[in-house]
Amino acid sequence: MKVLVVLRMSKVELYAAIRRDHRGGMSMRELECTHGVTWRTARKALDSAWPQPRKKLPPRASALDPYKPVVDASGGLQEPRLVVSA
């Protein structure tokens, strides 16, 4: 029984390990199981020494965006006033 031990490593280190094991004679399926990756990731590691950079995501809208005009029109955010009655 094989036990999969996943160590946290950078993608560059992972790609290097996949290429090293492939040069050592491991099959694609063995690479997938050993490193805990899919066949696409193993193929990308063998095709390129450097992983592609992460995609930049567009900024998301805030949940408060619909209320910004109301807040701006009222003079912005201010500290709440404490009313003390005697």
C-alpha atoms as a PDB file:
ATOM      1  CA  MET A   1       0.000   0.000   0.000  1.00  0.00           C
ATOM      2  CA  LYS A   2       1.377   3.389  -1.028  1.00  0.00           C
ATOM      3  CA  VAL A   3       1.011   6.314   1.317  1.00  0.00           C
ATOM      4  CA  LEU A   4       0.811   9.736  -0.251  1.00  0.00           C
ATOM      5  CA  VAL A   5       2.738  12.347   1.697  1.00  0.00           C
ATOM      6  CA  VAL A   6       2.161  15.856   0.380  1.00  0.00           C
ATOM      7  CA  LEU A   7       4.835  18.342   1.317  1.00  0.00           C
ATOM      8  CA  ARG A   8       4.205  22.026   0.822  1.00  0.00           C
ATOM      9  CA  MET A   9       6.614  23.182  -1.876  1.00  0.00           C
ATOM     10  CA  SER A  10       6.634  25.933  -4.434  1.00  0.00           C
ATOM     11  CA  LYS A  11       5.459  25.237  -7.966  1.00  0.00           C
ATOM     12  CA  VAL A  12       9.023  25.627  -9.253  1.00  0.00           C
ATOM     13  CA  GLU A  13      10.226  22.957  -6.825  1.00  0.00           C
ATOM     14  CA  LEU A  14       7.274  20.721  -7.739  1.00  0.00           C
ATOM     15  CA  TYR A  15       7.991  21.067 -11.467  1.00  0.00           C
ATOM     16  CA  ALA A  16      11.681  20.269 -10.848  1.00  0.00           C
ATOM     17  CA  ALA A  17      10.777  17.176  -8.814  1.00  0.00           C
ATOM     18  CA  ILE A  18       8.386  15.965 -11.522  1.00  0.00           C
ATOM     19  CA  ARG A  19      11.024  16.420 -14.226  1.00  0.00           C
ATOM     20  CA  ARG A  20      13.681  14.711 -12.086  1.00  0.00           C
ATOM     21  CA  ASP A  21      11.451  11.693 -11.420  1.00  0.00           C
ATOM     22  CA  HIS A  22      10.469  11.492 -15.106  1.00  0.00           C
ATOM     23  CA  ARG A  23      14.144  11.445 -16.111  1.00  0.00           C
ATOM     24  CA  GLY A  24      14.551   8.646 -13.552  1.00  0.00           C
ATOM     25  CA  GLY A  25      12.062   6.535 -15.500  1.00  0.00           C
ATOM     26  CA  MET A  26       8.704   7.161 -13.788  1.00  0.00           C
ATOM     27  CA  SER A  27       5.602   6.914 -15.928  1.00  0.00           C
ATOM     28  CA  MET A  28       3.067   9.715 -16.149  1.00  0.00           C
ATOM     29  CA  ARG A  29       0.659   7.844 -13.885  1.00  0.00           C
ATOM     30  CA  GLU A  30       3.367   7.270 -11.274  1.00  0.00           C
ATOM     31  CA  LEU A  31       4.243  10.981 -11.402  1.00  0.00           C
ATOM     32  CA  GLU A  32       0.594  11.901 -10.847  1.00  0.00           C
ATOM     33  CA  CYS A  33       0.215   9.580  -7.868  1.00  0.00           C
ATOM     34  CA  THR A  34       3.579  10.377  -6.287  1.00  0.00           C
ATOM     35  CA  HIS A  35       3.237  14.149  -6.481  1.00  0.00           C
ATOM     36  CA  GLY A  36      -0.545  14.369  -6.081  1.00  0.00           C
ATOM     37  CA  VAL A  37      -1.135  16.257  -9.326  1.00  0.00           C
ATOM     38  CA  THR A  38      -3.348  15.778 -12.361  1.00  0.00           C
ATOM     39  CA  TRP A  39      -2.064  14.694 -15.750  1.00  0.00           C
ATOM     40  CA  ARG A  40      -2.302  18.273 -17.016  1.00  0.00           C
ATOM     41  CA  THR A  41      -0.010  19.571 -14.279  1.00  0.00           C
ATOM     42  CA  ALA A  42       2.474  16.748 -14.889  1.00  0.00           C
ATOM     43  CA  ARG A  43       2.425  17.506 -18.623  1.00  0.00           C
ATOM     44  CA  LYS A  44       2.961  21.245 -18.008  1.00  0.00           C
ATOM     45  CA  ALA A  45       5.896  20.448 -15.726  1.00  0.00           C
ATOM     46  CA  LEU A  46       7.516  18.298 -18.395  1.00  0.00           C
ATOM     47  CA  ASP A  47       6.892  20.841 -21.151  1.00  0.00           C
ATOM     48  CA  SER A  48       8.181  23.913 -19.318  1.00  0.00           C
ATOM     49  CA  ALA A  49      10.798  24.495 -16.626  1.00  0.00           C
ATOM     50  CA  TRP A  50       8.889  27.486 -15.224  1.00  0.00           C
ATOM     51  CA  PRO A  51       5.216  27.476 -14.241  1.00  0.00           C
ATOM     52  CA  GLN A  52       3.016  30.140 -15.780  1.00  0.00           C
ATOM     53  CA  PRO A  53       2.424  33.171 -13.558  1.00  0.00           C
ATOM     54  CA  ARG A  54      -0.885  33.393 -11.750  1.00  0.00           C
ATOM     55  CA  LYS A  55      -3.652  35.281 -13.491  1.00  0.00           C
ATOM     56  CA  LYS A  56      -4.533  38.697 -12.117  1.00  0.00           C
ATOM     57  CA  LEU A  57      -8.191  38.738 -11.154  1.00  0.00           C
ATOM     58  CA  PRO A  58     -10.239  41.874 -11.772  1.00  0.00           C
ATOM     59  CA  PRO A  59     -11.299  43.708  -8.628  1.00  0.00           C
ATOM     60  CA  ARG A  60     -14.658  42.624  -7.261  1.00  0.00           C
ATOM     61  CA  ALA A  61     -17.446  45.003  -6.436  1.00  0.00           C
ATOM     62  CA  SER A  62     -18.036  45.732  -2.773  1.00  0.00           C
ATOM     63  CA  ALA A  63     -21.287  44.768  -1.086  1.00  0.00           C
ATOM     64  CA  LEU A  64     -21.594  48.426  -0.065  1.00  0.00           C
ATOM     65  CA  ASP A  65     -21.326  49.817  -3.614  1.00  0.00           C
ATOM     66  CA  PRO A  66     -25.106  50.383  -3.940  1.00  0.00           C
ATOM     67  CA  TYR A  67     -25.024  52.544  -0.774  1.00  0.00           C
ATOM     68  CA  LYS A  68     -21.977  54.677  -1.595  1.00  0.00           C
ATOM     69  CA  PRO A  69     -23.993  57.525  -3.189  1.00  0.00           C
ATOM     70  CA  VAL A  70     -26.205  57.728  -0.085  1.00  0.00           C
ATOM     71  CA  VAL A  71     -23.213  57.833   2.264  1.00  0.00           C
ATOM     72  CA  ASP A  72     -21.402  60.420   0.127  1.00  0.00           C
ATOM     73  CA  ALA A  73     -24.518  62.608  -0.112  1.00  0.00           C
ATOM     74  CA  SER A  74     -24.979  62.611   3.659  1.00  0.00           C
ATOM     75  CA  GLY A  75     -21.515  64.051   4.232  1.00  0.00           C
ATOM     76  CA  GLY A  76     -19.636  60.803   4.659  1.00  0.00           C
ATOM     77  CA  LEU A  77     -19.200  58.633   7.690  1.00  0.00           C
ATOM     78  CA  GLN A  78     -19.003  60.366  11.034  1.00  0.00           C
ATOM     79  CA  GLU A  79     -18.730  59.117  14.561  1.00  0.00           C
ATOM     80  CA  PRO A  80     -22.108  58.474  16.166  1.00  0.00           C
ATOM     81  CA  ARG A  81     -23.131  61.124  18.665  1.00  0.00           C
ATOM     82  CA  LEU A  82     -23.934  60.034  22.162  1.00  0.00           C
ATOM     83  CA  VAL A  83     -27.014  61.777  23.509  1.00  0.00           C
ATOM     84  CA  VAL A  84     -27.112  61.999  27.284  1.00  0.00           C
ATOM     85  CA  SER A  85     -30.437  62.916  28.822  1.00  0.00           C
ATOM     86  CA  ALA A  86     -30.539  64.376  32.305  1.00  0.00           C
END
